[in-house]
Amino acid sequence: MNDPRQLFDLTGRVACVTGASSGLGRRAASVLAAAGARVVGVARRAEALAEWVAATGDRAKAVAADLSQRDRLGDIAADVSDAFGPPDIVVHAAGINTREAADDVTPGAWDITMNLNLAAPFFLSQAFAPAMKAKGWGRIVSFASLQTTRAFPGGLSYGASKAGIAQLTRAMAEAWSKDGITANALGPGFFPTELTGPVFADPDRAARNAAQTCAGRNGELADIDGPLLFLCSDASAYVTGQVLMVDGGFTAK
């Protein structure tokens, strides 16, 4: 038997992580770099990306881009591939939650949500799939949500996009797994990020969410490391089309 730790070694792999300027996206980009991958971070905020690159070192490069612009996704994919070569791993962590009540959802906010949360994960994956097929190895990891299966107030468009991620994950797995490309998703519970800032700004609400979990606490950024590395590595070679909830058991209760 080979050393089981080698299953999680990403030395020689190239990864693309969207939403890498903050939160779980930045954490994911840093974890993959620490595991040996060369990582291209993609996000709108060039300054924040530059800070991440400086902190990470020569394994990291950045592409500043707005992923909600669907007509730019092909160019963005080309820019990512120019950094270290076509990626073997793509992690779709970029997302937006407009927090509009159902009666207040606007067409513009709906379109931005669907473009960033759902269209970008597919069209970027589609752009990177040919190179993954040529190598016979690829990992696509999208970010689902508690709202993939549950309805929260003010989350109509966000929840619809995240429910779509579950089916997109299954559909990409059906299409590409025979070529050595797995497609899975992580479903975080409540983690302290910019996206969940309004939740953690209310101590009572944060405490209620923690009490809803089996673990009795909300997530910490480090809690995403192991599940992410599992789905991005050889360790998950026979796992595809799945949504792994990383929520302390929130959805189990």
Protein backbone atom coordinates (compact mmCIF):
# COMPACT_ATOMS: atom_id res chain seq x y z
CA MET A 1 0.00 0.00 0.00
CA ASN A 2 1.24 3.47 -0.87
CA ASP A 3 1.36 6.16 1.79
CA PRO A 4 -2.30 7.25 2.18
CA ARG A 5 -1.15 10.82 2.71
CA GLN A 6 -0.09 10.93 -0.94
CA LEU A 7 -3.76 10.76 -1.89
CA PHE A 8 -4.09 14.39 -0.79
CA ASP A 9 -0.86 15.68 -2.35
CA LEU A 10 -1.55 18.23 -5.09
CA THR A 11 2.05 18.73 -6.18
CA GLY A 12 2.11 19.32 -9.93
CA ARG A 13 -1.58 20.22 -10.14
CA VAL A 14 -2.94 23.58 -11.29
CA ALA A 15 -6.06 24.98 -9.64
CA CYS A 16 -8.42 27.85 -10.34
CA VAL A 17 -10.42 29.24 -7.42
CA THR A 18 -13.10 31.86 -7.97
CA GLY A 19 -14.03 34.21 -5.17
CA ALA A 20 -10.44 34.01 -3.94
CA SER A 21 -10.32 37.55 -2.57
CA SER A 22 -12.12 36.74 0.69
CA GLY A 23 -13.99 34.23 2.82
CA LEU A 24 -14.21 30.57 1.93
CA GLY A 25 -12.83 31.22 -1.55
CA ARG A 26 -9.64 32.73 -0.21
CA ARG A 27 -9.37 29.93 2.33
CA ALA A 28 -9.80 27.34 -0.43
CA ALA A 29 -7.15 28.97 -2.62
CA SER A 30 -4.68 29.04 0.27
CA VAL A 31 -5.35 25.41 1.24
CA LEU A 32 -4.79 24.14 -2.28
CA ALA A 33 -1.54 26.08 -2.55
CA ALA A 34 -0.39 24.67 0.80
CA ALA A 35 -1.16 21.17 -0.53
CA GLY A 36 1.23 21.72 -3.44
CA ALA A 37 -0.93 23.12 -6.24
CA ARG A 38 -0.22 26.23 -8.24
CA VAL A 39 -3.33 28.33 -7.82
CA VAL A 40 -4.95 31.08 -9.88
CA GLY A 41 -7.33 33.18 -7.81
CA VAL A 42 -10.16 34.96 -9.60
CA ALA A 43 -12.27 37.77 -8.14
CA ARG A 44 -13.33 41.36 -8.83
CA ARG A 45 -11.14 43.04 -6.20
CA ALA A 46 -7.64 43.30 -7.61
CA GLU A 47 -6.13 44.76 -4.43
CA ALA A 48 -7.43 41.95 -2.23
CA LEU A 49 -6.19 39.39 -4.74
CA ALA A 50 -2.77 41.02 -4.77
CA GLU A 51 -2.63 40.73 -0.97
CA TRP A 52 -3.46 37.03 -1.21
CA VAL A 53 -0.77 36.46 -3.86
CA ALA A 54 1.80 38.27 -1.72
CA ALA A 55 0.88 36.15 1.30
CA THR A 56 0.91 32.89 -0.67
CA GLY A 57 4.07 33.27 -2.74
CA ASP A 58 5.11 32.00 -6.14
CA ARG A 59 2.48 29.27 -6.17
CA ALA A 60 -0.19 31.93 -6.61
CA LYS A 61 -1.30 34.23 -9.41
CA ALA A 62 -4.41 36.34 -9.79
CA VAL A 63 -6.92 37.27 -12.46
CA ALA A 64 -9.11 40.25 -11.59
CA ALA A 65 -12.46 39.83 -13.34
CA ASP A 66 -16.21 40.12 -12.90
CA LEU A 67 -17.60 36.61 -13.27
CA SER A 68 -21.18 37.86 -13.48
CA GLN A 69 -20.43 39.07 -17.02
CA ARG A 70 -21.30 35.96 -18.99
CA ASP A 71 -19.91 37.28 -22.25
CA ARG A 72 -16.48 37.60 -20.60
CA LEU A 73 -16.22 34.05 -19.24
CA GLY A 74 -14.34 32.70 -22.26
CA ASP A 75 -11.74 35.43 -21.99
CA ILE A 76 -11.46 34.90 -18.24
CA ALA A 77 -10.88 31.18 -18.75
CA ALA A 78 -8.12 31.97 -21.25
CA ASP A 79 -6.49 34.40 -18.80
CA VAL A 80 -6.57 31.74 -16.07
CA SER A 81 -4.94 29.18 -18.36
CA ASP A 82 -2.21 31.65 -19.32
CA ALA A 83 -0.99 31.78 -15.71
CA PHE A 84 0.22 28.19 -15.10
CA GLY A 85 -1.44 26.28 -17.91
CA PRO A 86 -4.98 24.89 -18.06
CA PRO A 87 -6.23 24.03 -14.56
CA ASP A 88 -6.71 20.46 -13.37
CA ILE A 89 -8.91 21.68 -10.51
CA VAL A 90 -11.58 24.38 -10.52
CA VAL A 91 -13.29 25.54 -7.34
CA HIS A 92 -16.34 27.74 -7.79
CA ALA A 93 -16.56 29.77 -4.59
CA ALA A 94 -17.65 33.16 -5.96
CA GLY A 95 -21.21 34.04 -5.10
CA ILE A 96 -23.70 36.74 -4.22
CA ASN A 97 -26.78 36.86 -1.98
CA THR A 98 -28.93 39.95 -2.59
CA ARG A 99 -31.18 39.09 0.41
CA GLU A 100 -34.33 40.41 -1.25
CA ALA A 101 -37.78 39.38 -0.08
CA ALA A 102 -39.76 37.50 -2.70
CA ASP A 103 -41.97 40.51 -3.39
CA ASP A 104 -38.91 42.71 -3.94
CA VAL A 105 -36.79 40.58 -6.27
CA THR A 106 -35.84 42.60 -9.34
CA PRO A 107 -34.90 41.24 -12.78
CA GLY A 108 -31.47 42.85 -12.52
CA ALA A 109 -30.63 41.29 -9.17
CA TRP A 110 -32.01 37.94 -10.36
CA ASP A 111 -29.79 37.99 -13.44
CA ILE A 112 -26.64 38.90 -11.50
CA THR A 113 -27.35 36.12 -8.99
CA MET A 114 -27.91 33.48 -11.63
CA ASN A 115 -24.97 34.59 -13.75
CA LEU A 116 -22.49 34.57 -10.87
CA ASN A 117 -23.82 31.69 -8.77
CA LEU A 118 -24.90 29.28 -11.50
CA ALA A 119 -23.86 30.25 -15.04
CA ALA A 120 -20.22 31.01 -14.20
CA PRO A 121 -19.61 27.60 -12.55
CA PHE A 122 -20.92 25.83 -15.63
CA PHE A 123 -19.37 27.89 -18.41
CA LEU A 124 -15.95 28.04 -16.76
CA SER A 125 -16.07 24.28 -16.16
CA GLN A 126 -17.09 23.78 -19.78
CA ALA A 127 -14.14 25.89 -20.91
CA PHE A 128 -11.66 23.93 -18.80
CA ALA A 129 -13.10 20.46 -19.49
CA PRO A 130 -11.27 19.76 -22.78
CA ALA A 131 -7.84 20.06 -21.18
CA MET A 132 -8.97 17.93 -18.24
CA LYS A 133 -10.26 15.29 -20.67
CA ALA A 134 -6.95 15.28 -22.50
CA LYS A 135 -5.16 14.51 -19.21
CA GLY A 136 -7.81 12.04 -18.05
CA TRP A 137 -7.98 13.86 -14.70
CA GLY A 138 -9.98 16.77 -13.40
CA ARG A 139 -11.76 18.02 -10.30
CA ILE A 140 -14.72 20.42 -10.32
CA VAL A 141 -15.91 21.59 -6.92
CA SER A 142 -18.80 24.03 -6.64
CA PHE A 143 -20.21 25.68 -3.54
CA ALA A 144 -23.74 24.71 -2.63
CA SER A 145 -25.49 26.02 0.49
CA LEU A 146 -27.95 25.26 3.25
CA GLN A 147 -30.38 26.90 0.84
CA THR A 148 -29.74 24.19 -1.73
CA THR A 149 -32.46 22.24 0.07
CA ARG A 150 -34.02 24.72 2.52
CA ALA A 151 -35.88 27.99 2.07
CA PHE A 152 -34.68 30.98 4.10
CA PRO A 153 -36.34 34.39 4.31
CA GLY A 154 -34.95 36.82 1.74
CA GLY A 155 -33.23 34.04 -0.17
CA LEU A 156 -35.46 33.32 -3.15
CA SER A 157 -33.00 34.03 -5.97
CA TYR A 158 -29.97 32.86 -3.98
CA GLY A 159 -31.71 29.64 -2.97
CA ALA A 160 -32.84 28.97 -6.52
CA SER A 161 -29.27 29.38 -7.76
CA LYS A 162 -27.90 27.06 -5.08
CA ALA A 163 -30.55 24.44 -5.73
CA GLY A 164 -29.39 24.67 -9.33
CA ILE A 165 -25.82 23.95 -8.23
CA ALA A 166 -26.90 20.54 -6.92
CA GLN A 167 -28.40 19.54 -10.25
CA LEU A 168 -25.56 21.13 -12.21
CA THR A 169 -23.13 19.03 -10.17
CA ARG A 170 -25.00 15.85 -10.98
CA ALA A 171 -25.30 16.77 -14.66
CA MET A 172 -21.60 17.61 -15.03
CA ALA A 173 -20.74 14.34 -13.28
CA GLU A 174 -22.93 12.43 -15.73
CA ALA A 175 -21.34 14.20 -18.68
CA TRP A 176 -17.66 14.10 -17.79
CA SER A 177 -16.86 11.50 -15.11
CA LYS A 178 -16.13 8.87 -17.75
CA ASP A 179 -13.29 11.13 -18.86
CA GLY A 180 -11.70 11.18 -15.41
CA ILE A 181 -13.34 14.45 -14.31
CA THR A 182 -15.28 14.37 -11.06
CA ALA A 183 -17.87 17.02 -10.21
CA ASN A 184 -18.94 17.56 -6.62
CA ALA A 185 -20.13 20.36 -4.37
CA LEU A 186 -19.55 21.50 -0.81
CA GLY A 187 -22.51 22.81 1.16
CA PRO A 188 -21.24 25.06 3.96
CA GLY A 189 -23.33 25.85 6.99
CA PHE A 190 -22.91 29.19 8.74
CA PHE A 191 -19.29 30.34 8.44
CA PRO A 192 -18.02 33.83 9.32
CA THR A 193 -17.52 35.43 5.90
CA GLU A 194 -18.48 38.66 4.17
CA LEU A 195 -21.51 36.93 2.67
CA THR A 196 -22.82 35.92 6.09
CA GLY A 197 -21.86 39.19 7.77
CA PRO A 198 -25.49 40.16 8.50
CA VAL A 199 -26.04 36.82 10.24
CA PHE A 200 -23.02 37.05 12.54
CA ALA A 201 -23.70 40.72 13.24
CA ASP A 202 -26.73 39.55 15.24
CA PRO A 203 -25.38 37.53 18.22
CA ASP A 204 -28.78 36.05 19.04
CA ARG A 205 -29.28 34.87 15.48
CA ALA A 206 -25.78 33.40 15.35
CA ALA A 207 -26.44 31.58 18.62
CA ARG A 208 -29.73 30.15 17.30
CA ASN A 209 -27.97 28.88 14.20
CA ALA A 210 -25.27 27.24 16.32
CA ALA A 211 -27.92 25.56 18.46
CA GLN A 212 -29.54 24.14 15.32
CA THR A 213 -26.41 22.14 14.49
CA CYS A 214 -25.55 18.71 15.87
CA ALA A 215 -22.07 20.01 16.72
CA GLY A 216 -23.44 22.90 18.76
CA ARG A 217 -21.42 25.60 17.01
CA ASN A 218 -21.11 27.56 13.80
CA GLY A 219 -18.37 26.84 11.31
CA GLU A 220 -14.79 28.07 11.40
CA LEU A 221 -12.80 28.60 8.21
CA ALA A 222 -10.52 25.67 9.02
CA ASP A 223 -13.52 23.32 8.95
CA ILE A 224 -13.62 23.55 5.15
CA ASP A 225 -10.00 22.46 4.63
CA GLY A 226 -10.36 18.68 4.84
CA PRO A 227 -13.56 18.30 2.81
CA LEU A 228 -12.20 20.61 0.12
CA LEU A 229 -8.87 18.83 -0.13
CA PHE A 230 -10.66 15.48 -0.29
CA LEU A 231 -12.79 16.53 -3.26
CA CYS A 232 -9.86 18.17 -5.08
CA SER A 233 -7.44 15.25 -4.80
CA ASP A 234 -6.94 11.61 -5.75
CA ALA A 235 -8.64 10.67 -2.48
CA SER A 236 -12.06 11.22 -4.08
CA ALA A 237 -11.43 9.46 -7.40
CA TYR A 238 -14.65 7.41 -7.11
CA VAL A 239 -16.80 10.19 -5.67
CA THR A 240 -18.75 12.25 -8.20
CA GLY A 241 -22.11 13.95 -8.51
CA GLN A 242 -22.37 14.52 -4.76
CA VAL A 243 -23.15 17.44 -2.47
CA LEU A 244 -21.17 17.14 0.77
CA MET A 245 -22.74 19.25 3.50
CA VAL A 246 -20.14 20.82 5.77
CA ASP A 247 -22.61 22.25 8.25
CA GLY A 248 -21.97 20.66 11.65
CA GLY A 249 -25.12 18.61 11.17
CA PHE A 250 -27.45 21.59 10.60
CA THR A 251 -29.35 19.74 7.86
CA ALA A 252 -29.43 16.52 9.90
CA LYS A 253 -31.77 18.01 12.50
